[in-house]
Amino acid sequence: MPFKTFGLTDPLVQGILATGYTAPTEIQSQAIPAAVSGCDVIGCAQTGTGKTAAFVLPVLNRLSHEKTPRKHPVRALILTPTRELAIQIEKCILDYGRFLKLRALAVFGGVNIQKQITALQRGVDIVVATPGRLMDHMQRGTVDFRAMEVLVLDEADRMLDMGFIRDVRKIVAALPADRQTMLFSATISPEVKAISKDMQKSPKMIQIGRQRNPVETVTQHIYPVPKRQKVELLLHLLETQSMYSVLVFSRTKYGADKIRRKLDRAGIDAVAIHSNRSQSQRQRALDGFRSGKFQVMVATDIAARGIDVQGISHVINFDVPAFPEDYIHRIGRTGRAAATGDAITFVCSSEQEYLTKIEKFIDRRFDRKKCPDFAYGEPDPVEAPPAKKSPKKRKKKTPSHNSAAKPKPKSAGKAPTSRRKRRKNTKRRTT
């Protein structure tokens, strides 16, 4: 089904075709017509299925139907949890809307706010923002939403996980009530439903696939390995298998930097990305990974939903994620847009509990396999649970027959003052 059948304007269709897209994905086929009709929409689909275009295209279409005001007031707001997503959404808007006279701006923290203020003063039709920085602009009075027509909440479940819900509610309360609201999420939890109930009017629900299923184009591998040998196994895989674009997930920022250093020492081009990196450092890392300058990018879960890099061949969970939802989002970075990919998870003995939770969540039992041609060492020592200390019994005090209740000593009162102080006091009284 071509994009033109959705009722999109000709300049917008030209922009879509210029990016190389010819056929919409399933979420786009169902969400775009509903959004173009003007109703509120809830879109639920796995990562890598084209959710971004499913809301960007209806927003561009709506604004392009009207004559663009000369001052370019903010007419659409897209809220997203991370700065990486904000940058990527802004890029999609500029790519699809290249033949439209619309302006877009990504607003996020970690960069100079003055440049954003200047751009807002010049006029912006679409603002793509993270909640924290947008709240800053609202408190400064540098953004005006009186002309706003469309609100999009992207990655709503992730915003809940990251604790942005209070800011989101404050932002939405300041917006015009007469608006179209679209909400997109990888999962629809009771909390997400509660947000929808508060912010949307009779939304149309569009759900693609089962929420708990990983992308079907991803082949999943589980490799049990002693914790101390995880780096060795990672190096073995990179040296013996055809891995040209690899995203490695670490649970901690310190761990990500440590893995990157060891890869560098082994002669593998690698870069790390996490919240301790500045925005310019993170952007350079992403650009280098996209261009192939770096074979491996080591990331924390900040990148699980914030990175959209085409052609990632492998995702490696160096550490098993503590939450099953994070596993789904991590491995969704490969096998995108109908391409195939591999997800490999290293599991040490202390992480078996996390793996069991993932299996229950996706209703699937994984086969544990050993990596061929890898020299496994001794398994991790089994840690015995700490012994419970028995509470100490208090000895009952038996009153002594000879010990009568001793009277409390009388208060000594104030310490006697020195002669010098007494003389001073008498002098003061006589004067």
Protein backbone atom coordinates (compact mmCIF):
# COMPACT_ATOMS: atom_id res chain seq x y z
CA MET A 1 0.00 0.00 0.00
CA PRO A 2 1.68 3.28 -1.05
CA PHE A 3 1.85 6.26 1.32
CA LYS A 4 -0.29 8.37 -1.02
CA THR A 5 -3.36 6.26 -0.22
CA PHE A 6 -3.26 7.58 3.37
CA GLY A 7 -4.37 11.04 2.23
CA LEU A 8 -0.96 12.65 2.71
CA THR A 9 -0.14 15.82 0.80
CA ASP A 10 1.95 15.55 -2.39
CA PRO A 11 4.99 17.47 -1.03
CA LEU A 12 5.02 15.16 1.99
CA VAL A 13 4.83 12.03 -0.17
CA GLN A 14 7.72 13.40 -2.24
CA GLY A 15 9.75 13.84 0.94
CA ILE A 16 9.02 10.27 2.03
CA LEU A 17 10.07 8.85 -1.33
CA ALA A 18 13.22 11.01 -1.31
CA THR A 19 14.33 9.24 1.88
CA GLY A 20 14.12 5.88 0.11
CA TYR A 21 10.95 4.55 1.76
CA THR A 22 8.36 3.12 -0.60
CA ALA A 23 6.10 0.90 1.51
CA PRO A 24 4.77 1.56 5.03
CA THR A 25 5.20 -0.84 7.93
CA GLU A 26 2.22 -2.42 9.70
CA ILE A 27 2.08 0.15 12.50
CA GLN A 28 2.28 2.96 9.94
CA SER A 29 -0.48 1.43 7.77
CA GLN A 30 -2.87 1.41 10.72
CA ALA A 31 -1.81 4.46 12.74
CA ILE A 32 -1.35 7.04 9.97
CA PRO A 33 -4.93 6.91 8.54
CA ALA A 34 -6.37 7.08 12.06
CA ALA A 35 -4.17 10.04 12.99
CA VAL A 36 -4.79 11.83 9.69
CA SER A 37 -8.53 11.63 10.39
CA GLY A 38 -7.91 13.73 13.50
CA CYS A 39 -8.76 11.31 16.28
CA ASP A 40 -6.55 10.56 19.27
CA VAL A 41 -4.37 7.48 18.85
CA ILE A 42 -2.61 4.94 21.08
CA GLY A 43 0.06 3.06 19.11
CA CYS A 44 1.70 -0.01 20.60
CA ALA A 45 4.39 -1.89 18.69
CA GLN A 46 7.81 -3.39 19.18
CA THR A 47 10.97 -1.36 18.66
CA GLY A 48 12.21 -1.26 15.09
CA THR A 49 8.74 -1.31 13.52
CA GLY A 50 8.60 2.31 12.35
CA LYS A 51 6.69 4.01 15.17
CA THR A 52 8.48 7.34 14.64
CA ALA A 53 7.14 7.80 11.10
CA ALA A 54 3.72 6.66 12.34
CA PHE A 55 3.34 9.93 14.28
CA VAL A 56 5.74 12.28 12.44
CA LEU A 57 3.95 11.92 9.10
CA PRO A 58 0.45 12.75 10.45
CA VAL A 59 1.88 15.77 12.29
CA LEU A 60 3.58 17.07 9.14
CA ASN A 61 0.47 16.37 7.09
CA ARG A 62 -1.80 18.29 9.45
CA LEU A 63 0.45 21.34 9.60
CA SER A 64 1.09 21.36 5.84
CA HIS A 65 -2.65 21.54 5.08
CA GLU A 66 -2.79 24.95 6.71
CA LYS A 67 -1.03 28.10 5.65
CA THR A 68 2.11 28.44 7.75
CA PRO A 69 1.85 31.58 9.93
CA ARG A 70 4.57 34.13 9.26
CA LYS A 71 5.85 34.04 12.86
CA HIS A 72 5.90 30.20 13.03
CA PRO A 73 4.23 29.67 16.45
CA VAL A 74 4.59 26.26 18.07
CA ARG A 75 1.75 24.14 16.65
CA ALA A 76 3.00 20.65 17.54
CA LEU A 77 4.85 19.24 20.55
CA ILE A 78 6.55 15.84 20.65
CA LEU A 79 7.71 14.69 24.09
CA THR A 80 10.37 11.98 24.24
CA PRO A 81 12.47 10.59 27.12
CA THR A 82 16.04 10.98 25.82
CA ARG A 83 18.09 13.54 23.94
CA GLU A 84 19.15 10.92 21.38
CA LEU A 85 15.53 10.23 20.51
CA ALA A 86 14.81 13.97 20.31
CA ILE A 87 17.65 14.44 17.81
CA GLN A 88 16.54 11.46 15.72
CA ILE A 89 12.91 12.60 15.62
CA GLU A 90 14.01 16.09 14.57
CA LYS A 91 16.05 14.51 11.76
CA CYS A 92 13.03 12.48 10.60
CA ILE A 93 10.92 15.65 10.53
CA LEU A 94 13.52 17.46 8.43
CA ASP A 95 13.95 14.48 6.07
CA TYR A 96 10.25 13.80 5.47
CA GLY A 97 9.34 17.48 5.45
CA ARG A 98 12.15 18.67 3.16
CA PHE A 99 9.61 20.06 0.67
CA LEU A 100 7.48 21.75 3.34
CA LYS A 101 7.99 25.21 4.79
CA LEU A 102 7.98 24.01 8.38
CA ARG A 103 10.55 24.52 11.12
CA ALA A 104 11.45 21.98 13.80
CA LEU A 105 13.64 22.22 16.89
CA ALA A 106 14.99 19.57 19.28
CA VAL A 107 15.00 20.87 22.86
CA PHE A 108 17.02 18.89 25.41
CA GLY A 109 19.43 19.36 28.31
CA GLY A 110 23.20 19.12 28.38
CA VAL A 111 23.68 21.92 25.84
CA ASN A 112 23.57 25.72 25.86
CA ILE A 113 19.98 26.82 26.42
CA GLN A 114 20.53 30.26 24.84
CA LYS A 115 20.70 28.83 21.31
CA GLN A 116 17.37 27.11 21.88
CA ILE A 117 15.85 30.35 23.19
CA THR A 118 17.05 32.21 20.09
CA ALA A 119 15.55 29.57 17.78
CA LEU A 120 12.22 29.67 19.66
CA GLN A 121 12.15 33.46 19.39
CA ARG A 122 12.65 33.23 15.61
CA GLY A 123 9.70 30.84 15.39
CA VAL A 124 9.34 27.04 15.36
CA ASP A 125 6.38 24.99 14.11
CA ILE A 126 7.31 21.68 15.80
CA VAL A 127 9.15 21.29 19.11
CA VAL A 128 10.66 17.91 19.97
CA ALA A 129 11.60 17.98 23.64
CA THR A 130 12.70 16.07 26.68
CA PRO A 131 10.50 16.90 29.70
CA GLY A 132 13.21 18.40 31.95
CA ARG A 133 14.55 20.98 29.50
CA LEU A 134 11.05 21.87 28.30
CA MET A 135 10.03 22.59 31.90
CA ASP A 136 13.02 24.92 32.10
CA HIS A 137 11.82 26.85 29.03
CA MET A 138 8.28 27.03 30.39
CA GLN A 139 9.52 28.46 33.70
CA ARG A 140 11.59 31.03 31.80
CA GLY A 141 8.61 31.91 29.59
CA THR A 142 10.59 31.25 26.41
CA VAL A 143 8.05 28.90 24.81
CA ASP A 144 4.42 29.65 23.94
CA PHE A 145 1.87 26.86 23.40
CA ARG A 146 -1.26 28.95 22.79
CA ALA A 147 -1.36 27.96 19.10
CA MET A 148 -0.56 24.27 19.70
CA GLU A 149 -2.73 21.72 17.86
CA VAL A 150 -1.01 18.34 18.27
CA LEU A 151 0.70 16.59 21.19
CA VAL A 152 2.69 13.36 20.84
CA LEU A 153 3.99 11.29 23.77
CA ASP A 154 6.70 9.04 22.40
CA GLU A 155 8.03 6.07 24.41
CA ALA A 156 5.44 6.70 27.12
CA ASP A 157 6.43 3.60 29.08
CA ARG A 158 10.07 4.68 29.09
CA MET A 159 9.12 8.14 30.40
CA LEU A 160 7.35 6.41 33.27
CA ASP A 161 10.40 4.24 33.98
CA MET A 162 12.67 7.30 34.02
CA GLY A 163 10.46 9.20 36.47
CA PHE A 164 9.25 11.92 34.08
CA ILE A 165 5.55 11.46 34.72
CA ARG A 166 5.21 14.49 37.06
CA ASP A 167 6.88 16.80 34.56
CA VAL A 168 4.77 15.36 31.74
CA ARG A 169 1.56 16.00 33.67
CA LYS A 170 2.63 19.59 34.42
CA ILE A 171 3.45 20.19 30.75
CA VAL A 172 0.17 18.72 29.51
CA ALA A 173 -1.79 20.80 32.03
CA ALA A 174 -0.35 23.95 30.42
CA LEU A 175 -1.41 22.96 26.88
CA PRO A 176 -4.66 23.84 25.10
CA ALA A 177 -7.38 21.32 25.88
CA ASP A 178 -8.64 21.42 22.29
CA ARG A 179 -5.87 19.37 20.66
CA GLN A 180 -5.12 16.02 19.07
CA THR A 181 -3.07 13.71 21.32
CA MET A 182 -1.12 10.68 20.15
CA LEU A 183 0.60 8.26 22.53
CA PHE A 184 3.12 5.68 21.35
CA SER A 185 4.74 3.00 23.47
CA ALA A 186 6.40 -0.39 23.19
CA THR A 187 4.24 -1.70 26.05
CA ILE A 188 0.86 -0.65 27.39
CA SER A 189 1.01 -1.04 31.15
CA PRO A 190 -1.77 0.00 33.57
CA GLU A 191 0.23 3.18 34.26
CA VAL A 192 0.32 4.04 30.54
CA LYS A 193 -3.42 3.43 30.34
CA ALA A 194 -3.91 5.83 33.25
CA ILE A 195 -1.94 8.53 31.42
CA SER A 196 -4.03 7.99 28.31
CA LYS A 197 -7.27 8.29 30.28
CA ASP A 198 -6.17 11.64 31.70
CA MET A 199 -4.81 13.12 28.47
CA GLN A 200 -6.79 11.65 25.56
CA LYS A 201 -10.37 11.66 24.31
CA SER A 202 -11.76 8.32 23.08
CA PRO A 203 -8.42 7.25 21.56
CA LYS A 204 -8.21 4.60 18.87
CA MET A 205 -6.06 1.69 20.07
CA ILE A 206 -3.65 0.20 17.55
CA GLN A 207 -1.54 -2.74 18.71
CA ILE A 208 0.86 -4.63 16.48
CA GLY A 209 2.03 -8.05 17.68
CA ARG A 210 2.20 -9.32 21.22
CA GLN A 211 3.67 -6.82 23.65
CA ARG A 212 6.03 -9.29 25.27
CA ASN A 213 7.42 -10.86 22.14
CA PRO A 214 10.87 -9.84 20.92
CA VAL A 215 11.22 -8.93 17.27
CA GLU A 216 10.82 -12.16 15.26
CA THR A 217 13.74 -11.30 12.97
CA VAL A 218 16.19 -11.50 15.89
CA THR A 219 17.88 -14.85 16.64
CA GLN A 220 18.58 -15.14 20.38
CA HIS A 221 21.56 -16.99 21.87
CA ILE A 222 22.29 -17.66 25.55
CA TYR A 223 25.91 -18.35 26.55
CA PRO A 224 26.53 -19.33 30.19
CA VAL A 225 30.04 -18.18 31.11
CA PRO A 226 32.02 -17.50 34.31
CA LYS A 227 31.89 -13.82 35.18
CA ARG A 228 35.67 -13.41 35.00
CA GLN A 229 35.68 -14.76 31.40
CA LYS A 230 33.05 -12.47 29.90
CA VAL A 231 35.61 -10.15 28.30
CA GLU A 232 37.53 -13.15 26.90
CA LEU A 233 34.34 -14.53 25.36
CA LEU A 234 33.47 -11.14 23.87
CA LEU A 235 36.92 -10.88 22.26
CA HIS A 236 36.64 -14.49 21.01
CA LEU A 237 33.31 -13.77 19.29
CA LEU A 238 34.56 -10.57 17.70
CA GLU A 239 37.65 -12.35 16.36
CA THR A 240 36.03 -15.56 15.12
CA GLN A 241 32.60 -14.45 13.86
CA SER A 242 31.50 -12.00 11.21
CA MET A 243 30.42 -9.08 13.38
CA TYR A 244 30.63 -5.76 11.59
CA SER A 245 28.38 -3.54 13.72
CA VAL A 246 28.03 -4.62 17.35
CA LEU A 247 26.14 -2.97 20.20
CA VAL A 248 27.29 -4.23 23.62
CA PHE A 249 25.16 -3.50 26.69
CA SER A 250 26.66 -3.05 30.15
CA ARG A 251 24.66 -2.59 33.33
CA THR A 252 26.85 0.24 34.63
CA LYS A 253 28.72 3.26 33.28
CA TYR A 254 31.94 2.08 34.93
CA GLY A 255 31.51 -1.35 33.30
CA ALA A 256 30.94 0.22 29.88
CA ASP A 257 34.17 2.22 30.10
CA LYS A 258 36.07 -0.82 31.35
CA ILE A 259 34.86 -2.99 28.43
CA ARG A 260 35.73 -0.26 25.94
CA ARG A 261 39.28 0.04 27.29
CA LYS A 262 39.85 -3.72 27.02
CA LEU A 263 38.54 -3.75 23.45
CA ASP A 264 40.88 -0.88 22.58
CA ARG A 265 43.85 -2.78 24.00
CA ALA A 266 42.90 -5.76 21.83
CA GLY A 267 42.98 -3.56 18.71
CA ILE A 268 39.21 -3.35 18.23
CA ASP A 269 37.74 0.05 17.36
CA ALA A 270 35.24 0.72 20.12
CA VAL A 271 33.45 3.64 21.75
CA ALA A 272 31.34 3.97 24.90
CA ILE A 273 28.13 5.94 25.38
CA HIS A 274 26.36 6.64 28.67
CA SER A 275 24.96 9.48 30.77
CA ASN A 276 28.37 10.69 31.98
CA ARG A 277 29.28 11.63 28.40
CA SER A 278 28.49 15.16 27.24
CA GLN A 279 26.02 15.64 24.43
CA SER A 280 28.79 16.38 21.93
CA GLN A 281 30.70 13.25 23.00
CA ARG A 282 27.59 11.11 22.68
CA GLN A 283 26.78 12.53 19.27
CA ARG A 284 30.32 11.93 18.01
CA ALA A 285 30.16 8.37 19.29
CA LEU A 286 26.84 7.74 17.53
CA ASP A 287 28.05 9.32 14.28
CA GLY A 288 31.24 7.24 14.40
CA PHE A 289 29.29 4.05 15.03
CA ARG A 290 26.82 4.79 12.23
CA SER A 291 29.61 5.53 9.75
CA GLY A 292 31.52 2.35 10.61
CA LYS A 293 34.45 4.14 12.22
CA PHE A 294 33.78 2.06 15.34
CA GLN A 295 33.00 -1.64 15.05
CA VAL A 296 31.67 -1.80 18.62
CA MET A 297 29.66 0.62 20.71
CA VAL A 298 29.39 -0.18 24.42
CA ALA A 299 26.31 1.35 26.03
CA THR A 300 24.24 1.41 29.18
CA ASP A 301 20.46 1.16 29.06
CA ILE A 302 20.25 4.86 28.27
CA ALA A 303 20.78 3.69 24.68
CA ALA A 304 18.28 0.83 24.76
CA ARG A 305 15.55 3.07 23.35
CA GLY A 306 17.54 6.12 22.41
CA ILE A 307 19.57 4.71 19.53
CA ASP A 308 18.26 4.18 16.03
CA VAL A 309 21.17 2.88 13.97
CA GLN A 310 20.41 0.95 10.84
CA GLY A 311 22.38 -2.21 10.14
CA ILE A 312 23.39 -3.33 13.64
CA SER A 313 24.34 -6.95 13.06
CA HIS A 314 24.66 -8.06 16.69
CA VAL A 315 23.47 -7.00 20.12
CA ILE A 316 25.48 -8.51 22.99
CA ASN A 317 24.14 -8.37 26.54
CA PHE A 318 27.43 -8.38 28.42
CA ASP A 319 25.31 -8.18 31.59
CA VAL A 320 21.82 -9.64 31.82
CA PRO A 321 19.36 -6.77 32.36
CA ALA A 322 17.57 -6.76 35.71
CA PHE A 323 14.18 -6.03 34.09
CA PRO A 324 12.66 -8.17 31.29
CA GLU A 325 11.35 -5.09 29.47
CA ASP A 326 14.91 -3.82 29.08
CA TYR A 327 15.88 -7.12 27.44
CA ILE A 328 13.16 -6.62 24.81
CA HIS A 329 14.29 -3.08 24.07
CA ARG A 330 17.97 -3.96 24.00
CA ILE A 331 17.70 -6.75 21.45
CA GLY A 332 15.26 -4.63 19.44
CA ARG A 333 18.23 -2.51 18.33
CA THR A 334 19.01 -5.23 15.75
CA GLY A 335 16.70 -6.95 13.27
CA ARG A 336 15.01 -3.63 12.50
CA ALA A 337 12.87 -2.81 9.49
CA ALA A 338 12.50 -6.49 8.49
CA ALA A 339 16.27 -7.07 8.54
CA THR A 340 17.71 -10.01 10.48
CA GLY A 341 20.01 -9.81 13.47
CA ASP A 342 21.51 -11.77 16.36
CA ALA A 343 21.21 -11.14 20.09
CA ILE A 344 23.73 -12.84 22.38
CA THR A 345 23.43 -12.84 26.17
CA PHE A 346 26.27 -13.73 28.54
CA VAL A 347 24.97 -15.30 31.75
CA CYS A 348 27.05 -15.94 34.85
CA SER A 349 25.79 -17.88 37.85
CA SER A 350 24.68 -14.79 39.76
CA GLU A 351 22.50 -13.67 36.83
CA GLN A 352 20.39 -16.81 36.44
CA GLU A 353 17.57 -15.18 38.40
CA TYR A 354 17.33 -12.33 35.85
CA LEU A 355 17.30 -14.78 32.93
CA THR A 356 14.48 -16.76 34.53
CA LYS A 357 12.42 -13.56 34.82
CA ILE A 358 12.98 -12.84 31.12
CA GLU A 359 11.87 -16.36 30.17
CA LYS A 360 8.68 -16.00 32.20
CA PHE A 361 8.02 -12.59 30.73
CA ILE A 362 8.27 -13.70 27.08
CA ASP A 363 6.88 -17.18 27.80
CA ARG A 364 9.86 -18.97 26.32
CA ARG A 365 12.58 -21.28 27.62
CA PHE A 366 16.04 -20.57 26.21
CA ASP A 367 18.53 -23.26 25.26
CA ARG A 368 21.81 -22.68 27.07
CA LYS A 369 24.72 -23.31 24.73
CA LYS A 370 28.48 -23.22 24.96
CA CYS A 371 30.34 -21.13 22.44
CA PRO A 372 32.33 -23.46 20.16
CA ASP A 373 36.15 -23.29 20.25
CA PHE A 374 36.19 -21.23 23.46
CA ALA A 375 38.30 -22.47 26.39
CA TYR A 376 36.01 -22.33 29.40
CA GLY A 377 37.61 -22.13 32.83
CA GLU A 378 36.35 -23.20 36.20
CA PRO A 379 32.76 -22.18 36.95
CA ASP A 380 32.06 -19.33 39.32
CA PRO A 381 32.26 -20.34 42.98
CA VAL A 382 28.86 -20.87 44.49
CA GLU A 383 28.25 -18.19 47.04
CA ALA A 384 26.70 -19.57 50.20
CA PRO A 385 23.88 -17.45 51.60
CA PRO A 386 24.93 -15.51 54.69
CA ALA A 387 24.25 -17.40 57.93
CA LYS A 388 21.42 -15.99 59.96
CA LYS A 389 22.53 -14.80 63.34
CA SER A 390 20.38 -15.99 66.22
CA PRO A 391 19.15 -13.09 68.31
CA LYS A 392 20.92 -12.71 71.61
CA LYS A 393 18.81 -13.48 74.63
CA ARG A 394 18.67 -10.73 77.15
CA LYS A 395 19.48 -11.76 80.68
CA LYS A 396 16.85 -10.88 83.16
CA LYS A 397 18.19 -8.78 85.99
CA THR A 398 17.39 -10.30 89.35
CA PRO A 399 17.11 -7.76 92.11
CA SER A 400 19.60 -8.23 94.92
CA HIS A 401 18.23 -8.63 98.43
CA ASN A 402 20.92 -6.43 99.92
CA SER A 403 20.67 -3.66 97.34
CA ALA A 404 18.15 -1.15 98.44
CA ALA A 405 17.01 1.53 96.13
CA LYS A 406 19.71 4.12 96.27
CA PRO A 407 18.45 7.67 96.59
CA LYS A 408 19.31 9.88 93.72
CA PRO A 409 22.08 12.32 94.46
CA LYS A 410 20.93 15.85 95.02
CA SER A 411 21.62 18.25 92.27
CA ALA A 412 24.91 19.94 92.83
CA GLY A 413 23.45 23.15 91.52
CA LYS A 414 25.57 25.79 89.91
CA ALA A 415 29.29 25.55 90.24
CA PRO A 416 30.66 28.03 92.76
CA THR A 417 31.83 31.18 91.13
CA SER A 418 35.39 32.34 91.52
CA ARG A 419 36.34 35.29 93.77
CA ARG A 420 37.28 37.38 90.74
CA LYS A 421 33.83 36.84 89.16
CA ARG A 422 32.09 37.62 92.48
CA ARG A 423 34.03 40.88 92.74
CA LYS A 424 33.03 41.86 89.22
CA ASN A 425 29.38 41.10 89.97
CA THR A 426 29.42 43.22 93.12
CA LYS A 427 31.06 46.08 91.24
CA ARG A 428 28.34 45.96 88.59
CA ARG A 429 25.61 46.01 91.24
CA THR A 430 27.16 48.97 93.09
CA THR A 431 27.72 51.11 89.99
